[in-house]
Amino acid sequence: MVYYPAGPSADYDRDGRLDLFLINWFAGNHCRLMRNESPERNWLDVQIVGQTFNRMGIGSQDRVTRSGASDSPDALLGFTEINIGYGYASGQEAIAHFGLGDHNTVDLSVRLPNGTTIERHNVAANQRLVIEEEK
């Protein structure tokens, strides 16, 4: 029997699919990188660069909706708050990762910790989008 605490997840190979690193510190065993080989689908990574609150965008709330349908009740595709710690022996990049399925473009709304909202419309899928807070 082998014990693995919750491990960090990240897109190790930058293919848009989150991979998992399993940590093991027992003698005679080793850590494992579990590469996600699921079928490719559309995705979006959002990185926030803060100027007045924190450089990593921690605490930013990111909301992704279908392009042009932000007001529709069924438009929401994903919501997350950027965080880097999710439990014991774990951690993540300060990146919001969204699986978009068949959606090629989306609308993005980012609420920064200082209350400022930044919006982007018709954002193309399959990219890491870096949004910098304006001073």
C-alpha atoms as a PDB file:
ATOM      1  CA  MET A   1       0.000   0.000   0.000  1.00  0.00           C
ATOM      2  CA  VAL A   2       1.291   3.476  -0.890  1.00  0.00           C
ATOM      3  CA  TYR A   3       0.160   6.821   0.519  1.00  0.00           C
ATOM      4  CA  TYR A   4      -0.066   9.905  -1.691  1.00  0.00           C
ATOM      5  CA  PRO A   5      -1.314  13.164  -0.184  1.00  0.00           C
ATOM      6  CA  ALA A   6      -3.230  15.532  -2.444  1.00  0.00           C
ATOM      7  CA  GLY A   7      -0.735  16.642  -5.048  1.00  0.00           C
ATOM      8  CA  PRO A   8      -0.352  19.831  -7.012  1.00  0.00           C
ATOM      9  CA  SER A   9      -2.014  20.131 -10.379  1.00  0.00           C
ATOM     10  CA  ALA A  10      -0.734  22.157 -13.315  1.00  0.00           C
ATOM     11  CA  ASP A  11      -0.558  22.015 -17.078  1.00  0.00           C
ATOM     12  CA  TYR A  12       2.976  20.584 -17.007  1.00  0.00           C
ATOM     13  CA  ASP A  13       3.327  20.180 -20.769  1.00  0.00           C
ATOM     14  CA  ARG A  14       1.222  23.266 -21.726  1.00  0.00           C
ATOM     15  CA  ASP A  15      -1.271  21.284 -23.816  1.00  0.00           C
ATOM     16  CA  GLY A  16      -4.367  22.704 -22.100  1.00  0.00           C
ATOM     17  CA  ARG A  17      -5.029  19.632 -19.926  1.00  0.00           C
ATOM     18  CA  LEU A  18      -4.261  19.690 -16.197  1.00  0.00           C
ATOM     19  CA  ASP A  19      -1.700  17.129 -15.052  1.00  0.00           C
ATOM     20  CA  LEU A  20      -1.220  15.848 -11.491  1.00  0.00           C
ATOM     21  CA  PHE A  21       1.958  15.372  -9.457  1.00  0.00           C
ATOM     22  CA  LEU A  22       1.717  12.723  -6.712  1.00  0.00           C
ATOM     23  CA  ILE A  23       4.152  13.222  -3.854  1.00  0.00           C
ATOM     24  CA  ASN A  24       5.715  10.287  -2.042  1.00  0.00           C
ATOM     25  CA  TRP A  25       8.379  10.607   0.619  1.00  0.00           C
ATOM     26  CA  PHE A  26       8.629   6.968   1.720  1.00  0.00           C
ATOM     27  CA  ALA A  27      11.857   5.043   1.130  1.00  0.00           C
ATOM     28  CA  GLY A  28      11.720   2.639  -1.788  1.00  0.00           C
ATOM     29  CA  ASN A  29       9.037   4.552  -3.629  1.00  0.00           C
ATOM     30  CA  HIS A  30       9.026   7.697  -5.736  1.00  0.00           C
ATOM     31  CA  CYS A  31       6.868  10.628  -6.770  1.00  0.00           C
ATOM     32  CA  ARG A  32       4.793  10.323  -9.917  1.00  0.00           C
ATOM     33  CA  LEU A  33       3.759  12.776 -12.604  1.00  0.00           C
ATOM     34  CA  MET A  34       0.396  11.757 -14.018  1.00  0.00           C
ATOM     35  CA  ARG A  35       0.109  13.231 -17.504  1.00  0.00           C
ATOM     36  CA  ASN A  36      -3.445  13.941 -18.608  1.00  0.00           C
ATOM     37  CA  GLU A  37      -4.023  12.218 -21.948  1.00  0.00           C
ATOM     38  CA  SER A  38      -7.761  12.835 -22.223  1.00  0.00           C
ATOM     39  CA  PRO A  39      -9.113  13.936 -25.622  1.00  0.00           C
ATOM     40  CA  GLU A  40      -8.154  17.505 -26.480  1.00  0.00           C
ATOM     41  CA  ARG A  41     -10.873  20.101 -25.984  1.00  0.00           C
ATOM     42  CA  ASN A  42     -10.853  23.891 -25.939  1.00  0.00           C
ATOM     43  CA  TRP A  43      -9.425  25.576 -22.859  1.00  0.00           C
ATOM     44  CA  LEU A  44      -8.363  28.957 -21.480  1.00  0.00           C
ATOM     45  CA  ASP A  45      -5.766  29.834 -18.859  1.00  0.00           C
ATOM     46  CA  VAL A  46      -5.999  33.280 -17.274  1.00  0.00           C
ATOM     47  CA  GLN A  47      -3.055  34.851 -15.471  1.00  0.00           C
ATOM     48  CA  ILE A  48      -3.543  38.132 -13.611  1.00  0.00           C
ATOM     49  CA  VAL A  49      -0.647  40.512 -12.970  1.00  0.00           C
ATOM     50  CA  GLY A  50      -1.508  42.992 -10.240  1.00  0.00           C
ATOM     51  CA  GLN A  51       0.086  46.383  -9.746  1.00  0.00           C
ATOM     52  CA  THR A  52      -1.675  47.704  -6.616  1.00  0.00           C
ATOM     53  CA  PHE A  53      -2.730  44.532  -4.757  1.00  0.00           C
ATOM     54  CA  ASN A  54      -0.337  41.616  -5.493  1.00  0.00           C
ATOM     55  CA  ARG A  55       1.715  40.597  -8.516  1.00  0.00           C
ATOM     56  CA  MET A  56       0.270  37.061  -8.720  1.00  0.00           C
ATOM     57  CA  GLY A  57      -3.383  38.081  -8.893  1.00  0.00           C
ATOM     58  CA  ILE A  58      -4.277  36.022  -5.829  1.00  0.00           C
ATOM     59  CA  GLY A  59      -7.880  36.710  -4.845  1.00  0.00           C
ATOM     60  CA  SER A  60      -8.965  37.697  -8.357  1.00  0.00           C
ATOM     61  CA  GLN A  61     -12.335  36.241  -9.312  1.00  0.00           C
ATOM     62  CA  ASP A  62     -12.561  35.073 -12.914  1.00  0.00           C
ATOM     63  CA  ARG A  63     -15.854  34.395 -14.688  1.00  0.00           C
ATOM     64  CA  VAL A  64     -16.104  32.874 -18.187  1.00  0.00           C
ATOM     65  CA  THR A  65     -19.340  32.990 -20.186  1.00  0.00           C
ATOM     66  CA  ARG A  66     -20.450  32.128 -23.709  1.00  0.00           C
ATOM     67  CA  SER A  67     -19.492  34.924 -26.132  1.00  0.00           C
ATOM     68  CA  GLY A  68     -22.196  37.550 -26.424  1.00  0.00           C
ATOM     69  CA  ALA A  69     -24.500  35.834 -23.935  1.00  0.00           C
ATOM     70  CA  SER A  70     -23.240  37.183 -20.606  1.00  0.00           C
ATOM     71  CA  ASP A  71     -26.742  38.160 -19.455  1.00  0.00           C
ATOM     72  CA  SER A  72     -28.329  34.805 -20.265  1.00  0.00           C
ATOM     73  CA  PRO A  73     -28.973  32.535 -17.242  1.00  0.00           C
ATOM     74  CA  ASP A  74     -27.251  29.576 -18.939  1.00  0.00           C
ATOM     75  CA  ALA A  75     -24.232  31.548 -20.217  1.00  0.00           C
ATOM     76  CA  LEU A  76     -21.853  30.702 -17.336  1.00  0.00           C
ATOM     77  CA  LEU A  77     -19.104  28.270 -18.349  1.00  0.00           C
ATOM     78  CA  GLY A  78     -16.875  28.660 -15.304  1.00  0.00           C
ATOM     79  CA  PHE A  79     -16.002  30.701 -12.225  1.00  0.00           C
ATOM     80  CA  THR A  80     -12.959  30.527  -9.987  1.00  0.00           C
ATOM     81  CA  GLU A  81     -10.889  32.590  -7.592  1.00  0.00           C
ATOM     82  CA  ILE A  82      -7.139  32.532  -8.092  1.00  0.00           C
ATOM     83  CA  ASN A  83      -5.479  30.777  -5.187  1.00  0.00           C
ATOM     84  CA  ILE A  84      -2.217  28.866  -4.810  1.00  0.00           C
ATOM     85  CA  GLY A  85      -2.938  26.521  -1.905  1.00  0.00           C
ATOM     86  CA  TYR A  86      -5.602  23.847  -1.728  1.00  0.00           C
ATOM     87  CA  GLY A  87      -4.478  21.516   1.034  1.00  0.00           C
ATOM     88  CA  TYR A  88      -1.644  19.647   2.662  1.00  0.00           C
ATOM     89  CA  ALA A  89       1.400  19.022   0.431  1.00  0.00           C
ATOM     90  CA  SER A  90      -0.315  20.701  -2.479  1.00  0.00           C
ATOM     91  CA  GLY A  91      -0.233  23.923  -4.394  1.00  0.00           C
ATOM     92  CA  GLN A  92      -1.051  25.310  -7.781  1.00  0.00           C
ATOM     93  CA  GLU A  93       0.158  27.979 -10.147  1.00  0.00           C
ATOM     94  CA  ALA A  94      -1.606  31.316  -9.761  1.00  0.00           C
ATOM     95  CA  ILE A  95      -3.520  30.589 -12.961  1.00  0.00           C
ATOM     96  CA  ALA A  96      -7.261  30.194 -13.550  1.00  0.00           C
ATOM     97  CA  HIS A  97      -7.799  27.195 -15.835  1.00  0.00           C
ATOM     98  CA  PHE A  98     -11.084  26.749 -17.693  1.00  0.00           C
ATOM     99  CA  GLY A  99     -12.179  23.811 -19.811  1.00  0.00           C
ATOM    100  CA  LEU A 100     -14.329  25.242 -22.601  1.00  0.00           C
ATOM    101  CA  GLY A 101     -15.548  22.115 -24.374  1.00  0.00           C
ATOM    102  CA  ASP A 102     -16.632  23.079 -27.903  1.00  0.00           C
ATOM    103  CA  HIS A 103     -16.586  26.858 -27.324  1.00  0.00           C
ATOM    104  CA  ASN A 104     -14.006  28.587 -29.555  1.00  0.00           C
ATOM    105  CA  THR A 105     -14.479  32.060 -28.032  1.00  0.00           C
ATOM    106  CA  VAL A 106     -15.722  33.261 -24.653  1.00  0.00           C
ATOM    107  CA  ASP A 107     -16.294  36.440 -22.687  1.00  0.00           C
ATOM    108  CA  LEU A 108     -14.185  36.960 -19.573  1.00  0.00           C
ATOM    109  CA  SER A 109     -14.878  39.111 -16.528  1.00  0.00           C
ATOM    110  CA  VAL A 110     -12.178  39.514 -13.858  1.00  0.00           C
ATOM    111  CA  ARG A 111     -12.904  41.135 -10.495  1.00  0.00           C
ATOM    112  CA  LEU A 112      -9.639  42.163  -8.862  1.00  0.00           C
ATOM    113  CA  PRO A 113      -9.209  42.149  -5.063  1.00  0.00           C
ATOM    114  CA  ASN A 114      -9.312  45.966  -5.077  1.00  0.00           C
ATOM    115  CA  GLY A 115     -12.833  45.876  -6.608  1.00  0.00           C
ATOM    116  CA  THR A 116     -11.849  46.833 -10.163  1.00  0.00           C
ATOM    117  CA  THR A 117     -13.478  44.795 -12.926  1.00  0.00           C
ATOM    118  CA  ILE A 118     -11.734  44.028 -16.221  1.00  0.00           C
ATOM    119  CA  GLU A 119     -13.714  42.595 -19.124  1.00  0.00           C
ATOM    120  CA  ARG A 120     -12.591  40.968 -22.357  1.00  0.00           C
ATOM    121  CA  HIS A 121     -14.994  39.887 -25.096  1.00  0.00           C
ATOM    122  CA  ASN A 122     -14.609  37.246 -27.799  1.00  0.00           C
ATOM    123  CA  VAL A 123     -11.472  35.819 -26.223  1.00  0.00           C
ATOM    124  CA  ALA A 124     -10.028  33.028 -28.362  1.00  0.00           C
ATOM    125  CA  ALA A 125      -9.754  29.567 -26.810  1.00  0.00           C
ATOM    126  CA  ASN A 126      -6.562  27.528 -26.391  1.00  0.00           C
ATOM    127  CA  GLN A 127      -4.264  30.185 -24.966  1.00  0.00           C
ATOM    128  CA  ARG A 128      -2.814  31.564 -21.766  1.00  0.00           C
ATOM    129  CA  LEU A 129      -4.210  35.075 -21.489  1.00  0.00           C
ATOM    130  CA  VAL A 130      -2.202  37.477 -19.324  1.00  0.00           C
ATOM    131  CA  ILE A 131      -4.204  40.412 -17.977  1.00  0.00           C
ATOM    132  CA  GLU A 132      -2.284  43.231 -16.327  1.00  0.00           C
ATOM    133  CA  GLU A 133      -3.922  45.634 -13.909  1.00  0.00           C
ATOM    134  CA  GLU A 134      -3.614  49.205 -15.045  1.00  0.00           C
ATOM    135  CA  LYS A 135      -2.046  51.622 -12.570  1.00  0.00           C
END
